[in-house]
C-alpha atoms as a PDB file:
ATOM      1  CA  MET A   1       0.048  -0.039  -0.014  1.00  0.00           C
ATOM      2  CA  ASP A   2       1.290   3.442  -0.918  1.00  0.00           C
ATOM      3  CA  THR A   3       1.473   5.498   2.338  1.00  0.00           C
ATOM      4  CA  SER A   4       3.393   8.444   0.877  1.00  0.00           C
ATOM      5  CA  PRO A   5       2.643  11.900   2.068  1.00  0.00           C
ATOM      6  CA  ALA A   6       1.526  13.132  -1.325  1.00  0.00           C
ATOM      7  CA  ASN A   7      -1.365  10.491  -1.425  1.00  0.00           C
ATOM      8  CA  SER A   8      -2.429  10.595   2.181  1.00  0.00           C
ATOM      9  CA  VAL A   9      -5.539  12.477   3.275  1.00  0.00           C
ATOM     10  CA  ASN A  10      -5.890  14.438   6.350  1.00  0.00           C
ATOM     11  CA  PRO A  11      -9.357  13.740   7.662  1.00  0.00           C
ATOM     12  CA  GLY A  12      -9.296  16.810  10.017  1.00  0.00           C
ATOM     13  CA  ARG A  13      -8.793  19.130   6.954  1.00  0.00           C
ATOM     14  CA  GLN A  14     -10.912  17.396   4.574  1.00  0.00           C
ATOM     15  CA  GLY A  15     -14.014  19.716   3.345  1.00  0.00           C
ATOM     16  CA  GLN A  16     -12.604  22.805   5.451  1.00  0.00           C
ATOM     17  CA  LYS A  17     -12.422  26.195   3.705  1.00  0.00           C
ATOM     18  CA  PRO A  18      -9.406  28.231   4.321  1.00  0.00           C
ATOM     19  CA  ARG A  19      -9.843  30.552   7.251  1.00  0.00           C
ATOM     20  CA  ILE A  20      -8.603  33.493   5.083  1.00  0.00           C
ATOM     21  CA  SER A  21     -11.365  32.957   2.584  1.00  0.00           C
ATOM     22  CA  VAL A  22     -14.055  32.635   5.287  1.00  0.00           C
ATOM     23  CA  ALA A  23     -12.888  35.890   6.983  1.00  0.00           C
ATOM     24  CA  TRP A  24     -12.784  37.760   3.822  1.00  0.00           C
ATOM     25  CA  SER A  25     -16.308  36.750   2.947  1.00  0.00           C
ATOM     26  CA  GLU A  26     -17.685  37.698   6.373  1.00  0.00           C
ATOM     27  CA  PHE A  27     -15.832  41.150   5.990  1.00  0.00           C
ATOM     28  CA  THR A  28     -17.312  41.597   2.587  1.00  0.00           C
ATOM     29  CA  ILE A  29     -20.866  40.687   3.689  1.00  0.00           C
ATOM     30  CA  THR A  30     -20.696  43.093   6.673  1.00  0.00           C
ATOM     31  CA  TRP A  31     -19.683  45.966   4.751  1.00  0.00           C
ATOM     32  CA  ILE A  32     -22.369  45.327   2.105  1.00  0.00           C
ATOM     33  CA  ILE A  33     -24.862  45.348   4.880  1.00  0.00           C
ATOM     34  CA  ARG A  34     -23.615  48.521   6.355  1.00  0.00           C
ATOM     35  CA  LEU A  35     -23.693  50.190   2.890  1.00  0.00           C
ATOM     36  CA  CYS A  36     -27.326  49.168   2.547  1.00  0.00           C
ATOM     37  CA  GLY A  37     -28.093  50.623   5.853  1.00  0.00           C
ATOM     38  CA  TRP A  38     -26.433  53.954   5.082  1.00  0.00           C
ATOM     39  CA  SER A  39     -27.692  54.097   1.609  1.00  0.00           C
ATOM     40  CA  ALA A  40     -31.128  55.123   2.734  1.00  0.00           C
ATOM     41  CA  ILE A  41     -29.643  58.152   4.651  1.00  0.00           C
ATOM     42  CA  PHE A  42     -27.457  58.991   1.653  1.00  0.00           C
ATOM     43  CA  PHE A  43     -30.395  59.021  -0.774  1.00  0.00           C
ATOM     44  CA  VAL A  44     -32.531  61.218   1.551  1.00  0.00           C
ATOM     45  CA  LEU A  45     -29.704  63.647   1.926  1.00  0.00           C
ATOM     46  CA  ALA A  46     -28.984  63.576  -1.877  1.00  0.00           C
ATOM     47  CA  ILE A  47     -32.591  64.295  -2.719  1.00  0.00           C
ATOM     48  CA  PHE A  48     -32.693  67.075  -0.285  1.00  0.00           C
ATOM     49  CA  PHE A  49     -29.564  68.565  -1.622  1.00  0.00           C
ATOM     50  CA  PHE A  50     -30.685  68.463  -5.233  1.00  0.00           C
ATOM     51  CA  ILE A  51     -34.102  70.184  -4.288  1.00  0.00           C
ATOM     52  CA  PHE A  52     -32.504  72.698  -2.073  1.00  0.00           C
ATOM     53  CA  ARG A  53     -29.767  73.588  -4.672  1.00  0.00           C
ATOM     54  CA  GLU A  54     -32.439  74.360  -7.308  1.00  0.00           C
ATOM     55  CA  ALA A  55     -34.559  76.362  -4.898  1.00  0.00           C
ATOM     56  CA  ALA A  56     -31.791  78.227  -3.142  1.00  0.00           C
ATOM     57  CA  PRO A  57     -31.742  81.322  -5.490  1.00  0.00           C
ATOM     58  CA  ALA A  58     -35.589  81.782  -4.846  1.00  0.00           C
ATOM     59  CA  LEU A  59     -35.436  81.093  -1.096  1.00  0.00           C
ATOM     60  CA  PHE A  60     -32.576  83.670  -0.559  1.00  0.00           C
ATOM     61  CA  GLY A  61     -33.308  86.723  -2.471  1.00  0.00           C
ATOM     62  CA  GLY A  62     -35.476  85.831  -5.363  1.00  0.00           C
ATOM     63  CA  LEU A  63     -38.698  85.588  -3.582  1.00  0.00           C
ATOM     64  CA  ASP A  64     -40.332  87.577  -0.790  1.00  0.00           C
ATOM     65  CA  MET A  65     -40.903  84.939   1.818  1.00  0.00           C
ATOM     66  CA  THR A  66     -43.644  86.615   3.594  1.00  0.00           C
ATOM     67  CA  GLU A  67     -45.697  86.760   0.281  1.00  0.00           C
ATOM     68  CA  PHE A  68     -44.769  83.300  -0.599  1.00  0.00           C
ATOM     69  CA  PHE A  69     -46.188  81.843   2.658  1.00  0.00           C
ATOM     70  CA  THR A  70     -49.044  84.220   3.255  1.00  0.00           C
ATOM     71  CA  SER A  71     -50.418  85.252  -0.127  1.00  0.00           C
ATOM     72  CA  PRO A  72     -53.075  83.217  -1.735  1.00  0.00           C
ATOM     73  CA  ASN A  73     -52.230  84.452  -5.254  1.00  0.00           C
ATOM     74  CA  TRP A  74     -50.217  82.088  -7.316  1.00  0.00           C
ATOM     75  CA  ARG A  75     -49.744  83.885 -10.709  1.00  0.00           C
ATOM     76  CA  PRO A  76     -46.250  83.019 -11.897  1.00  0.00           C
ATOM     77  CA  SER A  77     -46.954  83.496 -15.516  1.00  0.00           C
ATOM     78  CA  SER A  78     -48.524  86.943 -15.258  1.00  0.00           C
ATOM     79  CA  ASP A  79     -47.135  89.521 -17.678  1.00  0.00           C
ATOM     80  CA  VAL A  80     -48.187  92.426 -15.442  1.00  0.00           C
ATOM     81  CA  GLU A  81     -47.008  91.268 -12.145  1.00  0.00           C
ATOM     82  CA  PRO A  82     -46.085  87.685 -11.344  1.00  0.00           C
ATOM     83  CA  GLN A  83     -47.073  86.548  -7.908  1.00  0.00           C
ATOM     84  CA  TYR A  84     -45.701  83.575  -5.959  1.00  0.00           C
ATOM     85  CA  GLY A  85     -48.033  82.838  -3.048  1.00  0.00           C
ATOM     86  CA  ILE A  86     -48.628  79.415  -1.860  1.00  0.00           C
ATOM     87  CA  PHE A  87     -50.955  79.835   0.993  1.00  0.00           C
ATOM     88  CA  ALA A  88     -54.030  78.679  -0.906  1.00  0.00           C
ATOM     89  CA  LEU A  89     -52.140  75.655  -2.217  1.00  0.00           C
ATOM     90  CA  LEU A  90     -50.716  74.920   1.332  1.00  0.00           C
ATOM     91  CA  VAL A  91     -54.397  75.035   2.832  1.00  0.00           C
ATOM     92  CA  GLY A  92     -55.750  73.011  -0.053  1.00  0.00           C
ATOM     93  CA  SER A  93     -53.145  70.208   0.602  1.00  0.00           C
ATOM     94  CA  LEU A  94     -53.713  70.122   4.378  1.00  0.00           C
ATOM     95  CA  LEU A  95     -57.595  70.135   3.893  1.00  0.00           C
ATOM     96  CA  LEU A  96     -57.330  67.335   1.477  1.00  0.00           C
ATOM     97  CA  THR A  97     -55.210  65.361   3.653  1.00  0.00           C
ATOM     98  CA  ALA A  98     -57.393  65.914   6.774  1.00  0.00           C
ATOM     99  CA  ILE A  99     -60.588  64.847   4.738  1.00  0.00           C
ATOM    100  CA  ALA A 100     -58.621  61.835   3.287  1.00  0.00           C
ATOM    101  CA  MET A 101     -57.584  60.616   6.720  1.00  0.00           C
ATOM    102  CA  LEU A 102     -61.053  61.276   8.333  1.00  0.00           C
ATOM    103  CA  VAL A 103     -62.397  58.701   5.718  1.00  0.00           C
ATOM    104  CA  ALA A 104     -59.369  56.258   5.676  1.00  0.00           C
ATOM    105  CA  MET A 105     -58.794  56.152   9.518  1.00  0.00           C
ATOM    106  CA  PRO A 106     -62.151  54.461  10.495  1.00  0.00           C
ATOM    107  CA  LEU A 107     -62.338  52.289   7.334  1.00  0.00           C
ATOM    108  CA  GLY A 108     -58.693  51.135   7.392  1.00  0.00           C
ATOM    109  CA  LEU A 109     -58.656  50.380  11.123  1.00  0.00           C
ATOM    110  CA  GLY A 110     -61.942  48.594  10.890  1.00  0.00           C
ATOM    111  CA  ALA A 111     -60.838  46.560   7.943  1.00  0.00           C
ATOM    112  CA  ALA A 112     -57.583  45.662   9.738  1.00  0.00           C
ATOM    113  CA  VAL A 113     -59.561  44.465  12.828  1.00  0.00           C
ATOM    114  CA  PHE A 114     -61.858  42.439  10.774  1.00  0.00           C
ATOM    115  CA  ILE A 115     -59.068  40.801   8.723  1.00  0.00           C
ATOM    116  CA  SER A 116     -57.036  40.255  11.885  1.00  0.00           C
ATOM    117  CA  GLU A 117     -59.661  39.132  14.406  1.00  0.00           C
ATOM    118  CA  PHE A 118     -63.042  38.340  12.941  1.00  0.00           C
ATOM    119  CA  CYS A 119     -62.312  36.241   9.689  1.00  0.00           C
ATOM    120  CA  GLY A 120     -60.212  33.286   9.120  1.00  0.00           C
ATOM    121  CA  GLY A 121     -59.302  30.673   6.584  1.00  0.00           C
ATOM    122  CA  LYS A 122     -59.848  31.392   2.855  1.00  0.00           C
ATOM    123  CA  THR A 123     -61.781  34.460   3.656  1.00  0.00           C
ATOM    124  CA  LYS A 124     -58.909  36.123   5.298  1.00  0.00           C
ATOM    125  CA  GLU A 125     -56.472  35.106   2.596  1.00  0.00           C
ATOM    126  CA  VAL A 126     -58.846  36.565  -0.002  1.00  0.00           C
ATOM    127  CA  LEU A 127     -59.302  39.825   1.708  1.00  0.00           C
ATOM    128  CA  LYS A 128     -55.464  40.240   2.090  1.00  0.00           C
ATOM    129  CA  ILE A 129     -55.089  39.643  -1.662  1.00  0.00           C
ATOM    130  CA  LEU A 130     -57.774  42.075  -2.574  1.00  0.00           C
ATOM    131  CA  VAL A 131     -56.131  44.755  -0.343  1.00  0.00           C
ATOM    132  CA  GLU A 132     -52.837  44.247  -1.938  1.00  0.00           C
ATOM    133  CA  LEU A 133     -54.419  44.416  -5.307  1.00  0.00           C
ATOM    134  CA  LEU A 134     -56.166  47.717  -4.276  1.00  0.00           C
ATOM    135  CA  ALA A 135     -52.688  49.115  -3.568  1.00  0.00           C
ATOM    136  CA  ALA A 136     -51.490  48.193  -6.968  1.00  0.00           C
ATOM    137  CA  ILE A 137     -54.056  50.270  -8.829  1.00  0.00           C
ATOM    138  CA  PRO A 138     -52.133  53.212 -10.403  1.00  0.00           C
ATOM    139  CA  SER A 139     -53.066  56.730  -9.085  1.00  0.00           C
ATOM    140  CA  VAL A 140     -54.052  57.763 -12.671  1.00  0.00           C
ATOM    141  CA  VAL A 141     -56.653  55.088 -12.615  1.00  0.00           C
ATOM    142  CA  TRP A 142     -57.987  56.422  -9.384  1.00  0.00           C
ATOM    143  CA  GLY A 143     -57.969  59.800 -11.151  1.00  0.00           C
ATOM    144  CA  PHE A 144     -60.314  58.317 -13.920  1.00  0.00           C
ATOM    145  CA  ILE A 145     -62.580  56.889 -11.391  1.00  0.00           C
ATOM    146  CA  GLY A 146     -62.885  60.160  -9.471  1.00  0.00           C
ATOM    147  CA  LEU A 147     -63.218  62.232 -12.770  1.00  0.00           C
ATOM    148  CA  MET A 148     -65.667  60.008 -14.621  1.00  0.00           C
ATOM    149  CA  MET A 149     -67.747  58.227 -11.759  1.00  0.00           C
ATOM    150  CA  LEU A 150     -67.469  59.888  -8.408  1.00  0.00           C
ATOM    151  CA  GLY A 151     -67.820  63.442  -9.927  1.00  0.00           C
ATOM    152  CA  PRO A 152     -71.222  62.798 -11.638  1.00  0.00           C
ATOM    153  CA  LEU A 153     -72.422  61.088  -8.288  1.00  0.00           C
ATOM    154  CA  ILE A 154     -71.318  64.212  -6.287  1.00  0.00           C
ATOM    155  CA  THR A 155     -73.256  66.535  -8.533  1.00  0.00           C
ATOM    156  CA  SER A 156     -76.413  64.407  -8.482  1.00  0.00           C
ATOM    157  CA  TRP A 157     -76.559  63.781  -4.806  1.00  0.00           C
ATOM    158  CA  THR A 158     -75.416  67.151  -3.509  1.00  0.00           C
ATOM    159  CA  SER A 159     -75.741  70.814  -4.420  1.00  0.00           C
ATOM    160  CA  ALA A 160     -72.329  70.981  -5.946  1.00  0.00           C
ATOM    161  CA  SER A 161     -72.052  72.677  -9.254  1.00  0.00           C
ATOM    162  CA  VAL A 162     -69.145  70.671 -10.386  1.00  0.00           C
ATOM    163  CA  GLY A 163     -68.109  67.151  -9.511  1.00  0.00           C
ATOM    164  CA  VAL A 164     -64.359  67.816  -9.276  1.00  0.00           C
ATOM    165  CA  ASN A 165     -63.654  69.407  -6.054  1.00  0.00           C
ATOM    166  CA  LEU A 166     -62.256  69.074  -2.495  1.00  0.00           C
ATOM    167  CA  LEU A 167     -64.690  66.244  -1.555  1.00  0.00           C
ATOM    168  CA  ASN A 168     -64.050  64.143  -4.648  1.00  0.00           C
ATOM    169  CA  GLY A 169     -60.230  64.555  -4.195  1.00  0.00           C
ATOM    170  CA  GLY A 170     -60.475  63.579  -0.451  1.00  0.00           C
ATOM    171  CA  ILE A 171     -62.590  60.435  -1.133  1.00  0.00           C
ATOM    172  CA  ILE A 172     -60.079  59.417  -3.891  1.00  0.00           C
ATOM    173  CA  VAL A 173     -57.022  59.993  -1.797  1.00  0.00           C
ATOM    174  CA  ALA A 174     -58.523  58.039   1.129  1.00  0.00           C
ATOM    175  CA  LEU A 175     -59.183  55.166  -1.082  1.00  0.00           C
ATOM    176  CA  ILE A 176     -55.484  55.375  -2.255  1.00  0.00           C
ATOM    177  CA  SER A 177     -54.196  55.414   1.261  1.00  0.00           C
ATOM    178  CA  LEU A 178     -56.546  52.842   2.571  1.00  0.00           C
ATOM    179  CA  PRO A 179     -54.505  49.714   1.508  1.00  0.00           C
ATOM    180  CA  LEU A 180     -51.440  51.049   3.330  1.00  0.00           C
ATOM    181  CA  VAL A 181     -53.379  51.624   6.691  1.00  0.00           C
ATOM    182  CA  VAL A 182     -55.120  48.314   6.357  1.00  0.00           C
ATOM    183  CA  SER A 183     -52.000  46.374   5.777  1.00  0.00           C
ATOM    184  CA  ILE A 184     -49.765  47.989   8.440  1.00  0.00           C
ATOM    185  CA  GLY A 185     -52.588  47.967  10.936  1.00  0.00           C
ATOM    186  CA  GLU A 186     -53.294  44.313  10.504  1.00  0.00           C
ATOM    187  CA  ASP A 187     -49.637  43.635  10.945  1.00  0.00           C
ATOM    188  CA  ALA A 188     -49.578  45.606  14.076  1.00  0.00           C
ATOM    189  CA  LEU A 189     -52.662  43.671  15.525  1.00  0.00           C
ATOM    190  CA  LYS A 190     -51.214  40.285  14.656  1.00  0.00           C
ATOM    191  CA  ALA A 191     -48.041  41.205  16.410  1.00  0.00           C
ATOM    192  CA  VAL A 192     -49.962  41.385  19.749  1.00  0.00           C
ATOM    193  CA  PRO A 193     -49.310  38.021  21.678  1.00  0.00           C
ATOM    194  CA  ASP A 194     -52.041  35.583  21.669  1.00  0.00           C
ATOM    195  CA  SER A 195     -51.658  35.409  25.513  1.00  0.00           C
ATOM    196  CA  TYR A 196     -53.184  38.896  25.748  1.00  0.00           C
ATOM    197  CA  ARG A 197     -56.305  37.701  23.887  1.00  0.00           C
ATOM    198  CA  GLU A 198     -56.634  34.469  25.955  1.00  0.00           C
ATOM    199  CA  ALA A 199     -56.254  36.369  29.259  1.00  0.00           C
ATOM    200  CA  ALA A 200     -58.992  38.886  28.220  1.00  0.00           C
ATOM    201  CA  ILE A 201     -61.286  36.053  27.049  1.00  0.00           C
ATOM    202  CA  SER A 202     -60.804  34.092  30.171  1.00  0.00           C
ATOM    203  CA  LEU A 203     -61.847  37.193  32.320  1.00  0.00           C
ATOM    204  CA  GLY A 204     -65.160  37.290  30.289  1.00  0.00           C
ATOM    205  CA  ALA A 205     -64.453  39.889  27.843  1.00  0.00           C
ATOM    206  CA  SER A 206     -66.391  39.966  24.668  1.00  0.00           C
ATOM    207  CA  ARG A 207     -64.560  39.963  21.245  1.00  0.00           C
ATOM    208  CA  TRP A 208     -65.116  43.593  20.774  1.00  0.00           C
ATOM    209  CA  GLU A 209     -63.938  44.292  24.398  1.00  0.00           C
ATOM    210  CA  VAL A 210     -60.702  42.519  23.450  1.00  0.00           C
ATOM    211  CA  VAL A 211     -60.287  44.496  20.491  1.00  0.00           C
ATOM    212  CA  TYR A 212     -60.584  48.171  22.129  1.00  0.00           C
ATOM    213  CA  ARG A 213     -59.534  47.318  25.783  1.00  0.00           C
ATOM    214  CA  VAL A 214     -56.555  44.960  24.859  1.00  0.00           C
ATOM    215  CA  LEU A 215     -55.476  44.901  21.200  1.00  0.00           C
ATOM    216  CA  PHE A 216     -55.615  48.646  20.475  1.00  0.00           C
ATOM    217  CA  PRO A 217     -53.513  49.858  23.546  1.00  0.00           C
ATOM    218  CA  ALA A 218     -50.994  47.043  23.045  1.00  0.00           C
ATOM    219  CA  ALA A 219     -50.668  47.781  19.296  1.00  0.00           C
ATOM    220  CA  LYS A 220     -50.516  51.752  19.612  1.00  0.00           C
ATOM    221  CA  ASN A 221     -47.247  52.034  17.965  1.00  0.00           C
ATOM    222  CA  GLY A 222     -48.088  50.091  14.925  1.00  0.00           C
ATOM    223  CA  LEU A 223     -51.476  51.720  14.525  1.00  0.00           C
ATOM    224  CA  LEU A 224     -50.097  55.142  14.877  1.00  0.00           C
ATOM    225  CA  ALA A 225     -47.418  54.315  12.208  1.00  0.00           C
ATOM    226  CA  ALA A 226     -50.004  53.063   9.801  1.00  0.00           C
ATOM    227  CA  LEU A 227     -52.051  56.247  10.174  1.00  0.00           C
ATOM    228  CA  LEU A 228     -48.992  58.479   9.842  1.00  0.00           C
ATOM    229  CA  LEU A 229     -47.834  56.660   6.758  1.00  0.00           C
ATOM    230  CA  GLY A 230     -51.294  57.067   5.374  1.00  0.00           C
ATOM    231  CA  VAL A 231     -50.890  60.801   5.998  1.00  0.00           C
ATOM    232  CA  GLY A 232     -47.695  60.871   4.268  1.00  0.00           C
ATOM    233  CA  ARG A 233     -49.192  58.861   1.342  1.00  0.00           C
ATOM    234  CA  ALA A 234     -52.147  61.368   1.073  1.00  0.00           C
ATOM    235  CA  ILE A 235     -50.042  64.589   1.338  1.00  0.00           C
ATOM    236  CA  GLY A 236     -47.648  63.281  -1.377  1.00  0.00           C
ATOM    237  CA  GLU A 237     -50.386  62.150  -3.862  1.00  0.00           C
ATOM    238  CA  THR A 238     -50.140  63.963  -7.173  1.00  0.00           C
ATOM    239  CA  MET A 239     -51.872  62.617 -10.317  1.00  0.00           C
ATOM    240  CA  ALA A 240     -55.201  61.702  -8.879  1.00  0.00           C
ATOM    241  CA  VAL A 241     -55.404  64.916  -7.136  1.00  0.00           C
ATOM    242  CA  LEU A 242     -54.656  66.732 -10.326  1.00  0.00           C
ATOM    243  CA  MET A 243     -57.568  65.072 -12.078  1.00  0.00           C
ATOM    244  CA  CYS A 244     -60.168  65.136  -9.248  1.00  0.00           C
ATOM    245  CA  THR A 245     -59.886  68.447  -7.406  1.00  0.00           C
ATOM    246  CA  GLY A 246     -60.688  70.983 -10.197  1.00  0.00           C
ATOM    247  CA  HIS A 247     -57.154  72.603 -10.170  1.00  0.00           C
ATOM    248  CA  ALA A 248     -58.393  75.898  -9.131  1.00  0.00           C
ATOM    249  CA  ILE A 249     -56.192  78.343  -7.088  1.00  0.00           C
ATOM    250  CA  ASN A 250     -58.440  79.282  -4.210  1.00  0.00           C
ATOM    251  CA  ILE A 251     -58.995  78.611  -0.546  1.00  0.00           C
ATOM    252  CA  PRO A 252     -61.958  76.216  -0.370  1.00  0.00           C
ATOM    253  CA  LYS A 253     -64.779  77.400   1.799  1.00  0.00           C
ATOM    254  CA  SER A 254     -66.821  74.158   1.427  1.00  0.00           C
ATOM    255  CA  LEU A 255     -66.358  70.546   0.429  1.00  0.00           C
ATOM    256  CA  TYR A 256     -67.745  71.377  -3.048  1.00  0.00           C
ATOM    257  CA  ASP A 257     -65.244  73.939  -4.041  1.00  0.00           C
ATOM    258  CA  PRO A 258     -62.468  73.237  -6.492  1.00  0.00           C
ATOM    259  CA  MET A 259     -58.971  73.713  -5.020  1.00  0.00           C
ATOM    260  CA  ARG A 260     -55.305  72.850  -6.038  1.00  0.00           C
ATOM    261  CA  THR A 261     -52.514  71.288  -3.988  1.00  0.00           C
ATOM    262  CA  LEU A 262     -48.902  71.843  -3.642  1.00  0.00           C
ATOM    263  CA  THR A 263     -47.995  68.592  -5.545  1.00  0.00           C
ATOM    264  CA  ALA A 264     -50.441  69.140  -8.308  1.00  0.00           C
ATOM    265  CA  THR A 265     -49.054  72.493  -8.953  1.00  0.00           C
ATOM    266  CA  ILE A 266     -45.529  71.126  -9.384  1.00  0.00           C
ATOM    267  CA  ALA A 267     -46.752  68.355 -11.739  1.00  0.00           C
ATOM    268  CA  ALA A 268     -48.811  70.644 -13.903  1.00  0.00           C
ATOM    269  CA  GLU A 269     -46.326  73.582 -14.238  1.00  0.00           C
ATOM    270  CA  LEU A 270     -42.688  72.297 -14.029  1.00  0.00           C
ATOM    271  CA  GLY A 271     -42.654  70.912 -17.597  1.00  0.00           C
ATOM    272  CA  GLU A 272     -43.764  74.395 -18.913  1.00  0.00           C
ATOM    273  CA  THR A 273     -40.980  76.501 -17.011  1.00  0.00           C
ATOM    274  CA  VAL A 274     -37.704  77.644 -18.356  1.00  0.00           C
ATOM    275  CA  HIS A 275     -34.856  76.027 -16.563  1.00  0.00           C
ATOM    276  CA  GLY A 276     -33.397  78.392 -14.078  1.00  0.00           C
ATOM    277  CA  ASP A 277     -35.865  81.112 -14.085  1.00  0.00           C
ATOM    278  CA  LEU A 278     -37.856  82.302 -10.964  1.00  0.00           C
ATOM    279  CA  HIS A 279     -40.854  80.205 -11.641  1.00  0.00           C
ATOM    280  CA  TYR A 280     -38.717  77.074 -12.047  1.00  0.00           C
ATOM    281  CA  GLN A 281     -36.899  78.078  -8.735  1.00  0.00           C
ATOM    282  CA  ALA A 282     -40.225  78.615  -6.879  1.00  0.00           C
ATOM    283  CA  LEU A 283     -41.659  75.172  -7.862  1.00  0.00           C
ATOM    284  CA  PHE A 284     -38.547  73.654  -6.365  1.00  0.00           C
ATOM    285  CA  ALA A 285     -39.174  75.830  -3.262  1.00  0.00           C
ATOM    286  CA  ILE A 286     -42.576  74.299  -2.992  1.00  0.00           C
ATOM    287  CA  GLY A 287     -40.695  70.927  -3.137  1.00  0.00           C
ATOM    288  CA  VAL A 288     -38.603  72.079  -0.060  1.00  0.00           C
ATOM    289  CA  VAL A 289     -41.932  73.061   1.749  1.00  0.00           C
ATOM    290  CA  LEU A 290     -43.300  69.510   1.073  1.00  0.00           C
ATOM    291  CA  PHE A 291     -40.012  67.952   2.248  1.00  0.00           C
ATOM    292  CA  ALA A 292     -40.317  70.097   5.431  1.00  0.00           C
ATOM    293  CA  ILE A 293     -43.894  69.032   5.984  1.00  0.00           C
ATOM    294  CA  THR A 294     -42.908  65.341   5.705  1.00  0.00           C
ATOM    295  CA  PHE A 295     -39.968  65.722   8.058  1.00  0.00           C
ATOM    296  CA  VAL A 296     -42.367  67.451  10.679  1.00  0.00           C
ATOM    297  CA  ILE A 297     -44.820  64.572  10.305  1.00  0.00           C
ATOM    298  CA  ASN A 298     -42.203  61.885  10.912  1.00  0.00           C
ATOM    299  CA  LEU A 299     -40.757  63.922  13.898  1.00  0.00           C
ATOM    300  CA  ILE A 300     -44.123  64.246  15.515  1.00  0.00           C
ATOM    301  CA  ALA A 301     -44.617  60.475  15.001  1.00  0.00           C
ATOM    302  CA  ASP A 302     -41.339  59.684  16.547  1.00  0.00           C
ATOM    303  CA  ILE A 303     -42.043  61.833  19.482  1.00  0.00           C
ATOM    304  CA  ILE A 304     -45.367  60.280  20.195  1.00  0.00           C
ATOM    305  CA  VAL A 305     -44.081  56.739  19.719  1.00  0.00           C
ATOM    306  CA  LYS A 306     -41.363  57.515  22.278  1.00  0.00           C
ATOM    307  CA  GLY A 307     -43.780  58.963  24.658  1.00  0.00           C
ATOM    308  CA  ILE A 308     -45.856  55.887  24.374  1.00  0.00           C
ATOM    309  CA  ARG A 309     -42.778  53.576  25.096  1.00  0.00           C
ATOM    310  CA  ASN A 310     -41.776  55.593  28.082  1.00  0.00           C
ATOM    311  CA  ASP A 311     -45.382  55.414  29.451  1.00  0.00           C
ATOM    312  CA  LYS A 312     -45.208  51.574  29.154  1.00  0.00           C
ATOM    313  CA  THR A 313     -41.765  51.404  30.784  1.00  0.00           C
ATOM    314  CA  ALA A 314     -42.600  53.765  33.546  1.00  0.00           C
END
């Protein structure tokens, strides 16, 4: 038998990878994960830098900031006296978001509770699939629905003279935000341990009492996140709002008045401006305002969630 070292096999080393290769692989994977984590911060900063760079000439000298935030007159193309006031646009955006969330909150939370607690089996799976399909509908299709179906219904059922108005836009944006609220709300409710439900039922609580006395307090953080993400989705909606609100620059005094939002103004006018002129810069300044609103919403959410956590640990 040939027992030379060249032909012998060391069973202790058989199948083992070199330690240098394993260490290099772990190092590479670690840094890839770190880059993925930091990439979100980088992209947000890059977007803000781009928007702020284009808006800077208007924000620092090009526009009268008092007029910009307090005037309801937005007439950037006027040959006599161009005016750059976004107050009416800002009020329109906030009112539209408020109406959308007033509709989406009860519907979304109710649907989340029903899917999570009151149905099971195939019915639950079908409803979850339908909610996901609802989220996949493009916003321009929602715009068609609001323009061609909801608008005539509003004029026939109410005293509105036109069907494209604040109410139409609010309902359509609520339907657009609804799948997000339902999906995240259902996940938050399912994350509550079953022991909470079992303890409440053992004490004689009804199913509804389990929901509003046990599940809602236990899932506060997730439900709040669902609602605030719905707010962010509503305030950032563009195409459906452009088609369903009448696109009129005025402060709405009723639900049936046409109006315009900040996002719709950017979408409608940016393609018609001259690169680098004041109108172009003012639209990017509106983008900075939207960025600031989103930041404030997220900051408020973070403060509220931290307050809830501190109350639980106190």
